[in-house]
C-alpha atoms as a PDB file:
ATOM      1  CA  MET A   1     -39.459 -87.929  -3.657  1.00  0.00           C
ATOM      2  CA  LYS A   2     -41.667 -86.369  -6.564  1.00  0.00           C
ATOM      3  CA  PRO A   3     -39.325 -83.155  -7.484  1.00  0.00           C
ATOM      4  CA  GLU A   4     -41.053 -79.789  -6.848  1.00  0.00           C
ATOM      5  CA  PHE A   5     -41.608 -76.544  -9.222  1.00  0.00           C
ATOM      6  CA  GLY A   6     -42.050 -73.124  -8.841  1.00  0.00           C
ATOM      7  CA  ILE A   7     -44.214 -70.879 -11.658  1.00  0.00           C
ATOM      8  CA  TYR A   8     -43.415 -71.399 -14.915  1.00  0.00           C
ATOM      9  CA  GLU A   9     -41.858 -68.758 -16.937  1.00  0.00           C
ATOM     10  CA  GLN A  10     -41.751 -68.622 -20.660  1.00  0.00           C
ATOM     11  CA  GLY A  11     -38.460 -69.130 -22.009  1.00  0.00           C
ATOM     12  CA  PHE A  12     -36.578 -70.173 -18.585  1.00  0.00           C
ATOM     13  CA  GLY A  13     -39.024 -72.817 -17.362  1.00  0.00           C
ATOM     14  CA  ALA A  14     -40.206 -73.196 -13.925  1.00  0.00           C
ATOM     15  CA  GLU A  15     -37.520 -73.146 -10.823  1.00  0.00           C
ATOM     16  CA  LEU A  16     -36.537 -76.506  -9.253  1.00  0.00           C
ATOM     17  CA  LYS A  17     -37.364 -76.180  -5.255  1.00  0.00           C
ATOM     18  CA  CYS A  18     -35.094 -77.824  -2.958  1.00  0.00           C
ATOM     19  CA  PRO A  19     -36.980 -81.033  -1.746  1.00  0.00           C
ATOM     20  CA  ALA A  20     -35.255 -81.051   1.605  1.00  0.00           C
ATOM     21  CA  CYS A  21     -36.576 -77.173   2.066  1.00  0.00           C
ATOM     22  CA  GLY A  22     -38.467 -75.904  -0.495  1.00  0.00           C
ATOM     23  CA  PHE A  23     -35.794 -73.083  -1.359  1.00  0.00           C
ATOM     24  CA  ASN A  24     -34.987 -72.248  -5.328  1.00  0.00           C
ATOM     25  CA  TYR A  25     -31.680 -71.681  -5.355  1.00  0.00           C
ATOM     26  CA  LEU A  26     -29.942 -74.506  -6.389  1.00  0.00           C
ATOM     27  CA  HIS A  27     -26.395 -74.602  -7.552  1.00  0.00           C
ATOM     28  CA  HIS A  28     -25.041 -78.020 -10.031  1.00  0.00           C
ATOM     29  CA  GLU A  29     -22.288 -79.585  -8.344  1.00  0.00           C
ATOM     30  CA  LYS A  30     -21.888 -82.509 -10.406  1.00  0.00           C
ATOM     31  CA  ILE A  31     -23.114 -84.001 -13.172  1.00  0.00           C
ATOM     32  CA  GLU A  32     -23.318 -87.915 -14.430  1.00  0.00           C
ATOM     33  CA  ILE A  33     -24.068 -89.179 -17.474  1.00  0.00           C
ATOM     34  CA  PHE A  34     -24.674 -92.993 -17.800  1.00  0.00           C
ATOM     35  CA  GLU A  35     -24.946 -94.740 -21.287  1.00  0.00           C
ATOM     36  CA  ARG A  36     -25.783 -98.289 -22.525  1.00  0.00           C
ATOM     37  CA  THR A  37     -27.714 -99.909 -23.969  1.00  0.00           C
ATOM     38  CA  GLU A  38     -30.581-101.958 -23.279  1.00  0.00           C
ATOM     39  CA  ASP A  39     -30.155-104.506 -20.435  1.00  0.00           C
ATOM     40  CA  SER A  40     -26.650-104.504 -21.113  1.00  0.00           C
ATOM     41  CA  GLU A  41     -24.339-105.027 -18.393  1.00  0.00           C
ATOM     42  CA  THR A  42     -21.434-102.740 -19.826  1.00  0.00           C
ATOM     43  CA  GLY A  43     -21.530 -99.063 -20.753  1.00  0.00           C
ATOM     44  CA  LEU A  44     -20.190 -95.931 -20.208  1.00  0.00           C
ATOM     45  CA  HIS A  45     -19.996 -93.193 -17.306  1.00  0.00           C
ATOM     46  CA  VAL A  46     -19.276 -89.768 -17.324  1.00  0.00           C
ATOM     47  CA  THR A  47     -18.881 -87.116 -14.958  1.00  0.00           C
ATOM     48  CA  VAL A  48     -18.676 -83.318 -15.030  1.00  0.00           C
ATOM     49  CA  ASN A  49     -17.782 -81.951 -11.745  1.00  0.00           C
ATOM     50  CA  GLU A  50     -15.750 -78.528 -10.846  1.00  0.00           C
ATOM     51  CA  GLY A  51     -14.135 -78.332 -14.493  1.00  0.00           C
ATOM     52  CA  GLU A  52     -13.327 -81.846 -15.037  1.00  0.00           C
ATOM     53  CA  VAL A  53     -14.252 -84.785 -16.892  1.00  0.00           C
ATOM     54  CA  LYS A  54     -13.788 -88.068 -15.854  1.00  0.00           C
ATOM     55  CA  THR A  55     -14.829 -91.293 -17.888  1.00  0.00           C
ATOM     56  CA  ASP A  56     -15.371 -95.138 -16.656  1.00  0.00           C
ATOM     57  CA  THR A  57     -17.369 -98.217 -17.217  1.00  0.00           C
ATOM     58  CA  ASN A  58     -18.658 -98.352 -13.525  1.00  0.00           C
ATOM     59  CA  LEU A  59     -22.853 -98.203 -13.888  1.00  0.00           C
ATOM     60  CA  SER A  60     -23.337 -99.051 -10.144  1.00  0.00           C
ATOM     61  CA  SER A  61     -24.547 -95.954  -9.453  1.00  0.00           C
ATOM     62  CA  ASN A  62     -26.943 -95.573 -12.624  1.00  0.00           C
ATOM     63  CA  PRO A  63     -30.731 -94.800 -11.315  1.00  0.00           C
ATOM     64  CA  SER A  64     -31.980 -96.680 -14.583  1.00  0.00           C
ATOM     65  CA  PRO A  65     -32.025-100.308 -14.151  1.00  0.00           C
ATOM     66  CA  ARG A  66     -32.034-101.198 -17.869  1.00  0.00           C
ATOM     67  CA  ARG A  67     -31.200 -98.339 -19.834  1.00  0.00           C
ATOM     68  CA  HIS A  68     -29.247 -94.769 -19.579  1.00  0.00           C
ATOM     69  CA  GLY A  69     -29.799 -92.714 -16.495  1.00  0.00           C
ATOM     70  CA  LEU A  70     -28.712 -88.994 -15.599  1.00  0.00           C
ATOM     71  CA  LEU A  71     -27.717 -87.690 -12.014  1.00  0.00           C
ATOM     72  CA  VAL A  72     -27.435 -83.720 -11.081  1.00  0.00           C
ATOM     73  CA  HIS A  73     -26.202 -83.368  -7.616  1.00  0.00           C
ATOM     74  CA  PHE A  74     -26.939 -79.997  -6.185  1.00  0.00           C
ATOM     75  CA  SER A  75     -26.349 -77.623  -3.180  1.00  0.00           C
ATOM     76  CA  CYS A  76     -28.688 -75.710  -1.526  1.00  0.00           C
ATOM     77  CA  GLU A  77     -28.349 -72.046  -0.656  1.00  0.00           C
ATOM     78  CA  GLY A  78     -31.429 -72.286   1.975  1.00  0.00           C
ATOM     79  CA  CYS A  79     -29.805 -75.098   3.722  1.00  0.00           C
ATOM     80  CA  SER A  80     -27.205 -78.003   4.305  1.00  0.00           C
ATOM     81  CA  ALA A  81     -28.821 -80.550   2.027  1.00  0.00           C
ATOM     82  CA  ILE A  82     -27.252 -82.051  -0.935  1.00  0.00           C
ATOM     83  CA  SER A  83     -29.687 -83.312  -3.463  1.00  0.00           C
ATOM     84  CA  THR A  84     -29.915 -85.606  -6.571  1.00  0.00           C
ATOM     85  CA  LEU A  85     -32.302 -84.971  -9.851  1.00  0.00           C
ATOM     86  CA  SER A  86     -32.262 -88.388 -11.124  1.00  0.00           C
ATOM     87  CA  LEU A  87     -33.668 -88.952 -14.845  1.00  0.00           C
ATOM     88  CA  ILE A  88     -34.248 -92.722 -15.869  1.00  0.00           C
ATOM     89  CA  GLN A  89     -34.956 -94.305 -19.153  1.00  0.00           C
ATOM     90  CA  HIS A  90     -37.451 -97.375 -18.432  1.00  0.00           C
ATOM     91  CA  LYS A  91     -39.001 -99.693 -21.130  1.00  0.00           C
ATOM     92  CA  GLY A  92     -39.467 -96.215 -23.261  1.00  0.00           C
ATOM     93  CA  ASN A  93     -40.777 -94.236 -20.318  1.00  0.00           C
ATOM     94  CA  THR A  94     -38.591 -91.397 -18.640  1.00  0.00           C
ATOM     95  CA  TYR A  95     -39.038 -90.767 -14.746  1.00  0.00           C
ATOM     96  CA  MET A  96     -38.061 -87.962 -12.703  1.00  0.00           C
ATOM     97  CA  GLU A  97     -36.886 -89.248  -8.851  1.00  0.00           C
ATOM     98  CA  PHE A  98     -34.983 -86.418  -6.363  1.00  0.00           C
ATOM     99  CA  SER A  99     -33.613 -87.560  -3.044  1.00  0.00           C
ATOM    100  CA  PHE A 100     -31.154 -85.630  -0.958  1.00  0.00           C
ATOM    101  CA  GLU A 101     -29.014 -86.046   2.233  1.00  0.00           C
ATOM    102  CA  GLU A 102     -28.105 -83.483   4.977  1.00  0.00           C
ATOM    103  CA  GLN A 103     -24.351 -82.315   4.358  1.00  0.00           C
ATOM    104  CA  LYS A 104     -22.259 -83.360   7.095  1.00  0.00           C
ATOM    105  CA  THR A 105     -20.653 -79.634   8.424  1.00  0.00           C
END
């Protein structure tokens, strides 16, 4: 899903809007970084969540089929969705993708 943004403000950037409800009060919950050389089956996976940093070599959640990737997980104040912003490096290009799942209550 295409990321939607609010009005750009100099010095801050543009507000990212929730892909489920369009609200602009999103909170970072977890960040995952995937680092590997081109087409390598091995690499580094770093997760930062609730003040803890974990590292491993599990690349199964890497959004990039060939290179580096970044996942930023959000919760929204306007709805129960948990959304994920993906930054994907592929063949010299950087792509952005937004997805969400309704949080089970």
